[in-house]
PDB file of all heavy atoms in Angstrom:
ATOM      1  N   ALA A   1       0.819  -1.209   0.000  1.00  0.00           N
ATOM      2  CA  ALA A   1       0.000   0.000   0.000  1.00  0.00           C
ATOM      3  C   ALA A   1       0.853   1.259   0.000  1.00  0.00           C
ATOM      4  O   ALA A   1       0.477   2.278  -0.585  1.00  0.00           O
ATOM      5  CB  ALA A   1      -0.925  -0.006   1.216  1.00  0.00           C
ATOM      6  N   GLY A   2       1.992   1.223   0.672  1.00  0.00           N
ATOM      7  CA  GLY A   2       2.833   2.413   0.757  1.00  0.00           C
ATOM      8  C   GLY A   2       3.588   2.704  -0.521  1.00  0.00           C
ATOM      9  O   GLY A   2       3.705   3.852  -0.943  1.00  0.00           O
ATOM     10  N   GLY A   3       4.120   1.647  -1.153  1.00  0.00           N
ATOM     11  CA  GLY A   3       4.935   1.851  -2.338  1.00  0.00           C
ATOM     12  C   GLY A   3       4.178   1.791  -3.642  1.00  0.00           C
ATOM     13  O   GLY A   3       4.736   2.108  -4.697  1.00  0.00           O
ATOM     14  N   GLY A   4       2.913   1.377  -3.606  1.00  0.00           N
ATOM     15  CA  GLY A   4       2.143   1.292  -4.831  1.00  0.00           C
ATOM     16  C   GLY A   4       2.597   0.168  -5.739  1.00  0.00           C
ATOM     17  O   GLY A   4       2.545   0.290  -6.969  1.00  0.00           O
ATOM     18  N   VAL A   5       3.052  -0.940  -5.150  1.00  0.00           N
ATOM     19  CA  VAL A   5       3.538  -2.082  -5.927  1.00  0.00           C
ATOM     20  C   VAL A   5       2.595  -3.265  -5.728  1.00  0.00           C
ATOM     21  O   VAL A   5       2.255  -3.614  -4.597  1.00  0.00           O
ATOM     22  CB  VAL A   5       4.964  -2.481  -5.499  1.00  0.00           C
ATOM     23  CG1 VAL A   5       5.400  -3.752  -6.231  1.00  0.00           C
ATOM     24  CG2 VAL A   5       5.935  -1.347  -5.768  1.00  0.00           C
ATOM     25  N   ILE A   6       2.171  -3.866  -6.826  1.00  0.00           N
ATOM     26  CA  ILE A   6       1.364  -5.086  -6.785  1.00  0.00           C
ATOM     27  C   ILE A   6       2.118  -6.143  -7.577  1.00  0.00           C
ATOM     28  O   ILE A   6       2.452  -5.932  -8.740  1.00  0.00           O
ATOM     29  CB  ILE A   6      -0.031  -4.863  -7.391  1.00  0.00           C
ATOM     30  CG1 ILE A   6      -0.780  -3.766  -6.622  1.00  0.00           C
ATOM     31  CG2 ILE A   6      -0.835  -6.163  -7.362  1.00  0.00           C
ATOM     32  CD1 ILE A   6      -2.110  -3.372  -7.236  1.00  0.00           C
ATOM     33  N   SER A   7       2.433  -7.258  -6.929  1.00  0.00           N
ATOM     34  CA  SER A   7       3.125  -8.336  -7.621  1.00  0.00           C
ATOM     35  C   SER A   7       2.456  -9.659  -7.302  1.00  0.00           C
ATOM     36  O   SER A   7       1.844  -9.818  -6.239  1.00  0.00           O
ATOM     37  CB  SER A   7       4.609  -8.373  -7.231  1.00  0.00           C
ATOM     38  OG  SER A   7       4.769  -8.620  -5.848  1.00  0.00           O
ATOM     39  N   TRP A   8       2.539 -10.589  -8.224  1.00  0.00           N
ATOM     40  CA  TRP A   8       1.929 -11.889  -8.007  1.00  0.00           C
ATOM     41  C   TRP A   8       2.736 -12.938  -8.755  1.00  0.00           C
ATOM     42  O   TRP A   8       3.585 -12.637  -9.597  1.00  0.00           O
ATOM     43  CB  TRP A   8       0.467 -11.902  -8.430  1.00  0.00           C
ATOM     44  CG  TRP A   8       0.188 -11.619  -9.872  1.00  0.00           C
ATOM     45  CD1 TRP A   8      -0.034 -12.524 -10.869  1.00  0.00           C
ATOM     46  CD2 TRP A   8       0.070 -10.328 -10.505  1.00  0.00           C
ATOM     47  NE1 TRP A   8      -0.282 -11.899 -12.056  1.00  0.00           N
ATOM     48  CE2 TRP A   8      -0.230 -10.552 -11.871  1.00  0.00           C
ATOM     49  CE3 TRP A   8       0.188  -9.019 -10.053  1.00  0.00           C
ATOM     50  CZ2 TRP A   8      -0.390  -9.506 -12.778  1.00  0.00           C
ATOM     51  CZ3 TRP A   8       0.022  -7.983 -10.948  1.00  0.00           C
ATOM     52  CH2 TRP A   8      -0.270  -8.234 -12.288  1.00  0.00           C
ATOM     53  N   MET A   9       2.518 -14.189  -8.392  1.00  0.00           N
ATOM     54  CA  MET A   9       3.304 -15.259  -8.987  1.00  0.00           C
ATOM     55  C   MET A   9       2.482 -16.538  -9.083  1.00  0.00           C
ATOM     56  O   MET A   9       1.487 -16.708  -8.376  1.00  0.00           O
ATOM     57  CB  MET A   9       4.555 -15.527  -8.142  1.00  0.00           C
ATOM     58  CG  MET A   9       4.261 -16.110  -6.771  1.00  0.00           C
ATOM     59  SD  MET A   9       5.740 -16.715  -5.902  1.00  0.00           S
ATOM     60  CE  MET A   9       6.192 -18.088  -6.958  1.00  0.00           C
ATOM     61  N   ASN A  10       2.922 -17.426  -9.951  1.00  0.00           N
ATOM     62  CA  ASN A  10       2.431 -18.801 -10.010  1.00  0.00           C
ATOM     63  C   ASN A  10       3.613 -19.703  -9.701  1.00  0.00           C
ATOM     64  O   ASN A  10       4.544 -19.822 -10.515  1.00  0.00           O
ATOM     65  CB  ASN A  10       1.866 -19.128 -11.394  1.00  0.00           C
ATOM     66  CG  ASN A  10       0.502 -18.510 -11.609  1.00  0.00           C
ATOM     67  OD1 ASN A  10      -0.294 -18.429 -10.688  1.00  0.00           O
ATOM     68  ND2 ASN A  10       0.240 -18.063 -12.830  1.00  0.00           N
ATOM     69  N   PRO A  11       3.654 -20.338  -8.512  1.00  0.00           N
ATOM     70  CA  PRO A  11       4.820 -21.138  -8.135  1.00  0.00           C
ATOM     71  C   PRO A  11       4.914 -22.444  -8.914  1.00  0.00           C
ATOM     72  O   PRO A  11       3.911 -23.062  -9.246  1.00  0.00           O
ATOM     73  CB  PRO A  11       4.596 -21.402  -6.641  1.00  0.00           C
ATOM     74  CG  PRO A  11       3.117 -21.291  -6.450  1.00  0.00           C
ATOM     75  CD  PRO A  11       2.640 -20.271  -7.444  1.00  0.00           C
ATOM     76  N   SER A  12       6.144 -22.845  -9.183  1.00  0.00           N
ATOM     77  CA  SER A  12       6.407 -24.116  -9.846  1.00  0.00           C
ATOM     78  C   SER A  12       6.361 -25.251  -8.824  1.00  0.00           C
ATOM     79  O   SER A  12       6.271 -25.031  -7.610  1.00  0.00           O
ATOM     80  CB  SER A  12       7.793 -24.079 -10.489  1.00  0.00           C
ATOM     81  OG  SER A  12       8.791 -23.989  -9.473  1.00  0.00           O
ATOM     82  N   GLY A  13       6.470 -26.487  -9.315  1.00  0.00           N
ATOM     83  CA  GLY A  13       6.520 -27.626  -8.413  1.00  0.00           C
ATOM     84  C   GLY A  13       7.731 -27.575  -7.498  1.00  0.00           C
ATOM     85  O   GLY A  13       7.636 -27.871  -6.299  1.00  0.00           O
ATOM     86  N   ALA A  14       8.898 -27.200  -8.040  1.00  0.00           N
ATOM     87  CA  ALA A  14      10.101 -27.108  -7.217  1.00  0.00           C
ATOM     88  C   ALA A  14       9.949 -26.034  -6.149  1.00  0.00           C
ATOM     89  O   ALA A  14      10.370 -26.215  -5.001  1.00  0.00           O
ATOM     90  CB  ALA A  14      11.313 -26.811  -8.100  1.00  0.00           C
ATOM     91  N   HIS A  15       9.337 -24.928  -6.519  1.00  0.00           N
ATOM     92  CA  HIS A  15       9.082 -23.855  -5.560  1.00  0.00           C
ATOM     93  C   HIS A  15       8.222 -24.365  -4.402  1.00  0.00           C
ATOM     94  O   HIS A  15       8.533 -24.143  -3.228  1.00  0.00           O
ATOM     95  CB  HIS A  15       8.374 -22.698  -6.279  1.00  0.00           C
ATOM     96  CG  HIS A  15       8.147 -21.492  -5.443  1.00  0.00           C
ATOM     97  ND1 HIS A  15       8.734 -20.278  -5.723  1.00  0.00           N
ATOM     98  CD2 HIS A  15       7.405 -21.293  -4.321  1.00  0.00           C
ATOM     99  CE1 HIS A  15       8.363 -19.394  -4.820  1.00  0.00           C
ATOM    100  NE2 HIS A  15       7.550 -19.993  -3.966  1.00  0.00           N
ATOM    101  N   ALA A  16       7.154 -25.062  -4.717  1.00  0.00           N
ATOM    102  CA  ALA A  16       6.272 -25.600  -3.679  1.00  0.00           C
ATOM    103  C   ALA A  16       7.004 -26.627  -2.820  1.00  0.00           C
ATOM    104  O   ALA A  16       6.824 -26.682  -1.598  1.00  0.00           O
ATOM    105  CB  ALA A  16       5.040 -26.229  -4.325  1.00  0.00           C
ATOM    106  N   ASP A  17       7.849 -27.453  -3.458  1.00  0.00           N
ATOM    107  CA  ASP A  17       8.603 -28.469  -2.714  1.00  0.00           C
ATOM    108  C   ASP A  17       9.510 -27.834  -1.670  1.00  0.00           C
ATOM    109  O   ASP A  17       9.576 -28.291  -0.520  1.00  0.00           O
ATOM    110  CB  ASP A  17       9.464 -29.302  -3.673  1.00  0.00           C
ATOM    111  CG  ASP A  17       8.658 -30.282  -4.497  1.00  0.00           C
ATOM    112  OD1 ASP A  17       7.456 -30.467  -4.201  1.00  0.00           O
ATOM    113  OD2 ASP A  17       9.229 -30.853  -5.446  1.00  0.00           O
ATOM    114  N   PHE A  18      10.240 -26.796  -2.062  1.00  0.00           N
ATOM    115  CA  PHE A  18      11.176 -26.180  -1.118  1.00  0.00           C
ATOM    116  C   PHE A  18      10.449 -25.370  -0.045  1.00  0.00           C
ATOM    117  O   PHE A  18      10.931 -25.267   1.083  1.00  0.00           O
ATOM    118  CB  PHE A  18      12.210 -25.337  -1.868  1.00  0.00           C
ATOM    119  CG  PHE A  18      13.329 -26.155  -2.431  1.00  0.00           C
ATOM    120  CD1 PHE A  18      13.408 -26.392  -3.791  1.00  0.00           C
ATOM    121  CD2 PHE A  18      14.281 -26.724  -1.603  1.00  0.00           C
ATOM    122  CE1 PHE A  18      14.426 -27.175  -4.317  1.00  0.00           C
ATOM    123  CE2 PHE A  18      15.303 -27.502  -2.112  1.00  0.00           C
ATOM    124  CZ  PHE A  18      15.378 -27.738  -3.484  1.00  0.00           C
ATOM    125  N   SER A  19       9.286 -24.818  -0.371  1.00  0.00           N
ATOM    126  CA  SER A  19       8.488 -24.160   0.662  1.00  0.00           C
ATOM    127  C   SER A  19       8.067 -25.164   1.721  1.00  0.00           C
ATOM    128  O   SER A  19       8.124 -24.899   2.935  1.00  0.00           O
ATOM    129  CB  SER A  19       7.254 -23.500   0.038  1.00  0.00           C
ATOM    130  OG  SER A  19       7.620 -22.507  -0.897  1.00  0.00           O
ATOM    131  N   ASP A  20       7.636 -26.344   1.274  1.00  0.00           N
ATOM    132  CA  ASP A  20       7.258 -27.410   2.199  1.00  0.00           C
ATOM    133  C   ASP A  20       8.473 -27.899   2.994  1.00  0.00           C
ATOM    134  O   ASP A  20       8.376 -28.187   4.189  1.00  0.00           O
ATOM    135  CB  ASP A  20       6.641 -28.567   1.410  1.00  0.00           C
ATOM    136  CG  ASP A  20       6.218 -29.719   2.309  1.00  0.00           C
ATOM    137  OD1 ASP A  20       5.282 -29.544   3.105  1.00  0.00           O
ATOM    138  OD2 ASP A  20       6.832 -30.795   2.219  1.00  0.00           O
ATOM    139  N   ALA A  21       9.640 -27.975   2.336  1.00  0.00           N
ATOM    140  CA  ALA A  21      10.863 -28.413   3.011  1.00  0.00           C
ATOM    141  C   ALA A  21      11.255 -27.443   4.116  1.00  0.00           C
ATOM    142  O   ALA A  21      11.774 -27.846   5.161  1.00  0.00           O
ATOM    143  CB  ALA A  21      11.998 -28.551   1.998  1.00  0.00           C
ATOM    144  N   VAL A  22      11.014 -26.151   3.890  1.00  0.00           N
ATOM    145  CA  VAL A  22      11.299 -25.159   4.932  1.00  0.00           C
ATOM    146  C   VAL A  22      10.434 -25.433   6.159  1.00  0.00           C
ATOM    147  O   VAL A  22      10.925 -25.412   7.298  1.00  0.00           O
ATOM    148  CB  VAL A  22      11.036 -23.732   4.405  1.00  0.00           C
ATOM    149  CG1 VAL A  22      10.983 -22.725   5.551  1.00  0.00           C
ATOM    150  CG2 VAL A  22      12.105 -23.331   3.399  1.00  0.00           C
ATOM    151  N   ASP A  23       9.160 -25.693   5.946  1.00  0.00           N
ATOM    152  CA  ASP A  23       8.265 -26.008   7.069  1.00  0.00           C
ATOM    153  C   ASP A  23       8.805 -27.169   7.896  1.00  0.00           C
ATOM    154  O   ASP A  23       8.888 -27.101   9.124  1.00  0.00           O
ATOM    155  CB  ASP A  23       6.877 -26.380   6.538  1.00  0.00           C
ATOM    156  CG  ASP A  23       5.880 -25.241   6.643  1.00  0.00           C
ATOM    157  OD1 ASP A  23       6.281 -24.144   7.024  1.00  0.00           O
ATOM    158  OD2 ASP A  23       4.703 -25.471   6.341  1.00  0.00           O
ATOM    159  N   LYS A  24       9.158 -28.242   7.223  1.00  0.00           N
ATOM    160  CA  LYS A  24       9.622 -29.441   7.927  1.00  0.00           C
ATOM    161  C   LYS A  24      10.936 -29.179   8.659  1.00  0.00           C
ATOM    162  O   LYS A  24      11.163 -29.681   9.772  1.00  0.00           O
ATOM    163  CB  LYS A  24       9.764 -30.594   6.936  1.00  0.00           C
ATOM    164  CG  LYS A  24       8.420 -31.090   6.397  1.00  0.00           C
ATOM    165  CD  LYS A  24       8.603 -32.205   5.395  1.00  0.00           C
ATOM    166  CE  LYS A  24       7.265 -32.879   5.054  1.00  0.00           C
ATOM    167  NZ  LYS A  24       6.262 -31.965   4.526  1.00  0.00           N
ATOM    168  N   THR A  25      11.813 -28.390   8.052  1.00  0.00           N
ATOM    169  CA  THR A  25      13.109 -28.101   8.670  1.00  0.00           C
ATOM    170  C   THR A  25      12.955 -27.220   9.898  1.00  0.00           C
ATOM    171  O   THR A  25      13.552 -27.495  10.952  1.00  0.00           O
ATOM    172  CB  THR A  25      14.033 -27.433   7.637  1.00  0.00           C
ATOM    173  OG1 THR A  25      14.236 -28.326   6.534  1.00  0.00           O
ATOM    174  CG2 THR A  25      15.377 -27.082   8.253  1.00  0.00           C
ATOM    175  N   VAL A  26      12.174 -26.165   9.783  1.00  0.00           N
ATOM    176  CA  VAL A  26      11.995 -25.246  10.915  1.00  0.00           C
ATOM    177  C   VAL A  26      11.314 -25.950  12.082  1.00  0.00           C
ATOM    178  O   VAL A  26      11.717 -25.797  13.246  1.00  0.00           O
ATOM    179  CB  VAL A  26      11.194 -24.004  10.479  1.00  0.00           C
ATOM    180  CG1 VAL A  26      10.768 -23.172  11.692  1.00  0.00           C
ATOM    181  CG2 VAL A  26      12.022 -23.150   9.524  1.00  0.00           C
ATOM    182  N   GLU A  27      10.289 -26.720  11.799  1.00  0.00           N
ATOM    183  CA  GLU A  27       9.575 -27.409  12.883  1.00  0.00           C
ATOM    184  C   GLU A  27      10.479 -28.386  13.620  1.00  0.00           C
ATOM    185  O   GLU A  27      10.455 -28.474  14.852  1.00  0.00           O
ATOM    186  CB  GLU A  27       8.341 -28.117  12.312  1.00  0.00           C
ATOM    187  CG  GLU A  27       7.255 -27.132  11.889  1.00  0.00           C
ATOM    188  CD  GLU A  27       6.140 -27.785  11.085  1.00  0.00           C
ATOM    189  OE1 GLU A  27       6.265 -28.994  10.775  1.00  0.00           O
ATOM    190  OE2 GLU A  27       5.161 -27.085  10.760  1.00  0.00           O
ATOM    191  N   ARG A  28      11.324 -29.125  12.889  1.00  0.00           N
ATOM    192  CA  ARG A  28      12.230 -30.064  13.545  1.00  0.00           C
ATOM    193  C   ARG A  28      13.333 -29.338  14.311  1.00  0.00           C
ATOM    194  O   ARG A  28      13.722 -29.757  15.408  1.00  0.00           O
ATOM    195  CB  ARG A  28      12.833 -31.017  12.504  1.00  0.00           C
ATOM    196  CG  ARG A  28      11.854 -32.115  12.084  1.00  0.00           C
ATOM    197  CD  ARG A  28      12.332 -32.860  10.848  1.00  0.00           C
ATOM    198  NE  ARG A  28      11.502 -34.046  10.598  1.00  0.00           N
ATOM    199  CZ  ARG A  28      10.301 -34.027  10.069  1.00  0.00           C
ATOM    200  NH1 ARG A  28       9.748 -32.861   9.731  1.00  0.00           N
ATOM    201  NH2 ARG A  28       9.621 -35.142   9.877  1.00  0.00           N
ATOM    202  N   ALA A  29      13.854 -28.271  13.749  1.00  0.00           N
ATOM    203  CA  ALA A  29      14.897 -27.515  14.441  1.00  0.00           C
ATOM    204  C   ALA A  29      14.363 -26.924  15.743  1.00  0.00           C
ATOM    205  O   ALA A  29      15.031 -26.955  16.786  1.00  0.00           O
ATOM    206  CB  ALA A  29      15.436 -26.414  13.537  1.00  0.00           C
ATOM    207  N   ALA A  30      13.151 -26.374  15.707  1.00  0.00           N
ATOM    208  CA  ALA A  30      12.557 -25.809  16.917  1.00  0.00           C
ATOM    209  C   ALA A  30      12.375 -26.883  17.984  1.00  0.00           C
ATOM    210  O   ALA A  30      12.655 -26.646  19.170  1.00  0.00           O
ATOM    211  CB  ALA A  30      11.219 -25.148  16.584  1.00  0.00           C
ATOM    212  N   ARG A  31      11.925 -28.051  17.571  1.00  0.00           N
ATOM    213  CA  ARG A  31      11.730 -29.130  18.535  1.00  0.00           C
ATOM    214  C   ARG A  31      13.054 -29.535  19.186  1.00  0.00           C
ATOM    215  O   ARG A  31      13.122 -29.761  20.396  1.00  0.00           O
ATOM    216  CB  ARG A  31      11.083 -30.329  17.853  1.00  0.00           C
ATOM    217  CG  ARG A  31      10.714 -31.451  18.827  1.00  0.00           C
ATOM    218  CD  ARG A  31       9.871 -32.524  18.172  1.00  0.00           C
ATOM    219  NE  ARG A  31      10.565 -33.210  17.117  1.00  0.00           N
ATOM    220  CZ  ARG A  31      10.236 -33.153  15.824  1.00  0.00           C
ATOM    221  NH1 ARG A  31       9.213 -32.408  15.435  1.00  0.00           N
ATOM    222  NH2 ARG A  31      10.913 -33.826  14.924  1.00  0.00           N
ATOM    223  N   LEU A  32      14.118 -29.585  18.397  1.00  0.00           N
ATOM    224  CA  LEU A  32      15.428 -29.932  18.937  1.00  0.00           C
ATOM    225  C   LEU A  32      15.942 -28.854  19.893  1.00  0.00           C
ATOM    226  O   LEU A  32      16.737 -29.143  20.797  1.00  0.00           O
ATOM    227  CB  LEU A  32      16.428 -30.144  17.796  1.00  0.00           C
ATOM    228  CG  LEU A  32      16.222 -31.429  16.974  1.00  0.00           C
ATOM    229  CD1 LEU A  32      17.029 -31.376  15.689  1.00  0.00           C
ATOM    230  CD2 LEU A  32      16.601 -32.657  17.794  1.00  0.00           C
ATOM    231  N   LEU A  33      15.505 -27.625  19.696  1.00  0.00           N
ATOM    232  CA  LEU A  33      15.878 -26.528  20.591  1.00  0.00           C
ATOM    233  C   LEU A  33      14.917 -26.401  21.765  1.00  0.00           C
ATOM    234  O   LEU A  33      15.033 -25.466  22.558  1.00  0.00           O
ATOM    235  CB  LEU A  33      15.905 -25.207  19.810  1.00  0.00           C
ATOM    236  CG  LEU A  33      17.059 -25.032  18.824  1.00  0.00           C
ATOM    237  CD1 LEU A  33      16.811 -23.827  17.927  1.00  0.00           C
ATOM    238  CD2 LEU A  33      18.387 -24.883  19.570  1.00  0.00           C
ATOM    239  N   ASP A  34      13.988 -27.344  21.859  1.00  0.00           N
ATOM    240  CA  ASP A  34      12.972 -27.333  22.917  1.00  0.00           C
ATOM    241  C   ASP A  34      12.166 -26.039  22.892  1.00  0.00           C
ATOM    242  O   ASP A  34      11.877 -25.435  23.928  1.00  0.00           O
ATOM    243  CB  ASP A  34      13.633 -27.522  24.294  1.00  0.00           C
ATOM    244  CG  ASP A  34      12.616 -27.919  25.371  1.00  0.00           C
ATOM    245  OD1 ASP A  34      11.583 -28.515  25.013  1.00  0.00           O
ATOM    246  OD2 ASP A  34      12.850 -27.620  26.561  1.00  0.00           O
ATOM    247  N   ALA A  35      11.823 -25.615  21.688  1.00  0.00           N
ATOM    248  CA  ALA A  35      11.036 -24.393  21.499  1.00  0.00           C
ATOM    249  C   ALA A  35       9.804 -24.719  20.674  1.00  0.00           C
ATOM    250  O   ALA A  35       9.827 -25.611  19.822  1.00  0.00           O
ATOM    251  CB  ALA A  35      11.861 -23.317  20.798  1.00  0.00           C
ATOM    252  N   LYS A  36       8.734 -24.004  20.940  1.00  0.00           N
ATOM    253  CA  LYS A  36       7.537 -24.156  20.118  1.00  0.00           C
ATOM    254  C   LYS A  36       7.725 -23.409  18.804  1.00  0.00           C
ATOM    255  O   LYS A  36       8.413 -22.388  18.739  1.00  0.00           O
ATOM    256  CB  LYS A  36       6.308 -23.618  20.847  1.00  0.00           C
ATOM    257  CG  LYS A  36       5.685 -24.599  21.838  1.00  0.00           C
ATOM    258  CD  LYS A  36       4.326 -24.106  22.277  1.00  0.00           C
ATOM    259  CE  LYS A  36       3.668 -25.089  23.218  1.00  0.00           C
ATOM    260  NZ  LYS A  36       3.348 -26.361  22.555  1.00  0.00           N
ATOM    261  N   ALA A  37       7.097 -23.921  17.774  1.00  0.00           N
ATOM    262  CA  ALA A  37       7.056 -23.231  16.483  1.00  0.00           C
ATOM    263  C   ALA A  37       5.658 -23.384  15.912  1.00  0.00           C
ATOM    264  O   ALA A  37       5.076 -24.467  15.970  1.00  0.00           O
ATOM    265  CB  ALA A  37       8.082 -23.800  15.521  1.00  0.00           C
ATOM    266  N   LYS A  38       5.125 -22.317  15.383  1.00  0.00           N
ATOM    267  CA  LYS A  38       3.824 -22.351  14.735  1.00  0.00           C
ATOM    268  C   LYS A  38       3.975 -21.856  13.302  1.00  0.00           C
ATOM    269  O   LYS A  38       4.299 -20.694  13.060  1.00  0.00           O
ATOM    270  CB  LYS A  38       2.821 -21.471  15.490  1.00  0.00           C
ATOM    271  CG  LYS A  38       1.474 -21.312  14.773  1.00  0.00           C
ATOM    272  CD  LYS A  38       0.822 -22.647  14.466  1.00  0.00           C
ATOM    273  CE  LYS A  38      -0.439 -22.483  13.603  1.00  0.00           C
ATOM    274  NZ  LYS A  38      -1.012 -23.788  13.206  1.00  0.00           N
ATOM    275  N   SER A  39       3.763 -22.746  12.355  1.00  0.00           N
ATOM    276  CA  SER A  39       3.824 -22.371  10.952  1.00  0.00           C
ATOM    277  C   SER A  39       2.548 -21.630  10.552  1.00  0.00           C
ATOM    278  O   SER A  39       1.442 -22.087  10.842  1.00  0.00           O
ATOM    279  CB  SER A  39       3.988 -23.604  10.075  1.00  0.00           C
ATOM    280  OG  SER A  39       3.825 -23.273   8.710  1.00  0.00           O
ATOM    281  N   LYS A  40       2.708 -20.509   9.875  1.00  0.00           N
ATOM    282  CA  LYS A  40       1.571 -19.758   9.334  1.00  0.00           C
ATOM    283  C   LYS A  40       1.599 -19.731   7.812  1.00  0.00           C
ATOM    284  O   LYS A  40       0.859 -18.976   7.189  1.00  0.00           O
ATOM    285  CB  LYS A  40       1.573 -18.330   9.889  1.00  0.00           C
ATOM    286  CG  LYS A  40       1.283 -18.248  11.385  1.00  0.00           C
ATOM    287  CD  LYS A  40      -0.066 -18.847  11.748  1.00  0.00           C
ATOM    288  CE  LYS A  40      -1.210 -18.141  11.063  1.00  0.00           C
ATOM    289  NZ  LYS A  40      -2.526 -18.756  11.398  1.00  0.00           N
ATOM    290  N   ARG A  41       2.489 -20.526   7.226  1.00  0.00           N
ATOM    291  CA  ARG A  41       2.608 -20.676   5.781  1.00  0.00           C
ATOM    292  C   ARG A  41       2.550 -19.327   5.069  1.00  0.00           C
ATOM    293  O   ARG A  41       3.321 -18.432   5.372  1.00  0.00           O
ATOM    294  CB  ARG A  41       1.538 -21.638   5.263  1.00  0.00           C
ATOM    295  CG  ARG A  41       1.668 -23.053   5.768  1.00  0.00           C
ATOM    296  CD  ARG A  41       3.005 -23.694   5.460  1.00  0.00           C
ATOM    297  NE  ARG A  41       3.355 -23.759   4.087  1.00  0.00           N
ATOM    298  CZ  ARG A  41       3.218 -24.840   3.320  1.00  0.00           C
ATOM    299  NH1 ARG A  41       2.704 -25.944   3.808  1.00  0.00           N
ATOM    300  NH2 ARG A  41       3.598 -24.826   2.067  1.00  0.00           N
ATOM    301  N   ASP A  42       1.629 -19.170   4.095  1.00  0.00           N
ATOM    302  CA  ASP A  42       1.621 -17.949   3.283  1.00  0.00           C
ATOM    303  C   ASP A  42       0.562 -16.949   3.740  1.00  0.00           C
ATOM    304  O   ASP A  42      -0.071 -16.276   2.921  1.00  0.00           O
ATOM    305  CB  ASP A  42       1.423 -18.293   1.808  1.00  0.00           C
ATOM    306  CG  ASP A  42       0.180 -19.142   1.575  1.00  0.00           C
ATOM    307  OD1 ASP A  42      -0.482 -19.512   2.561  1.00  0.00           O
ATOM    308  OD2 ASP A  42      -0.117 -19.434   0.400  1.00  0.00           O
ATOM    309  N   THR A  43       0.382 -16.837   5.050  1.00  0.00           N
ATOM    310  CA  THR A  43      -0.515 -15.812   5.592  1.00  0.00           C
ATOM    311  C   THR A  43      -0.106 -14.432   5.069  1.00  0.00           C
ATOM    312  O   THR A  43       1.077 -14.133   4.944  1.00  0.00           O
ATOM    313  CB  THR A  43      -0.441 -15.813   7.136  1.00  0.00           C
ATOM    314  OG1 THR A  43      -0.936 -17.066   7.608  1.00  0.00           O
ATOM    315  CG2 THR A  43      -1.259 -14.680   7.739  1.00  0.00           C
TER     316      THR A  43
END
């Protein structure tokens, strides 16, 4: 809203795969650190 920029995308399969991989990595790392993590994906 401030900069007047509107952008959008159509993600590829590889893009979706690595987004999902980030979720799995962060959740496991947080658990190993004895910390809670809540994924909000593309909110």
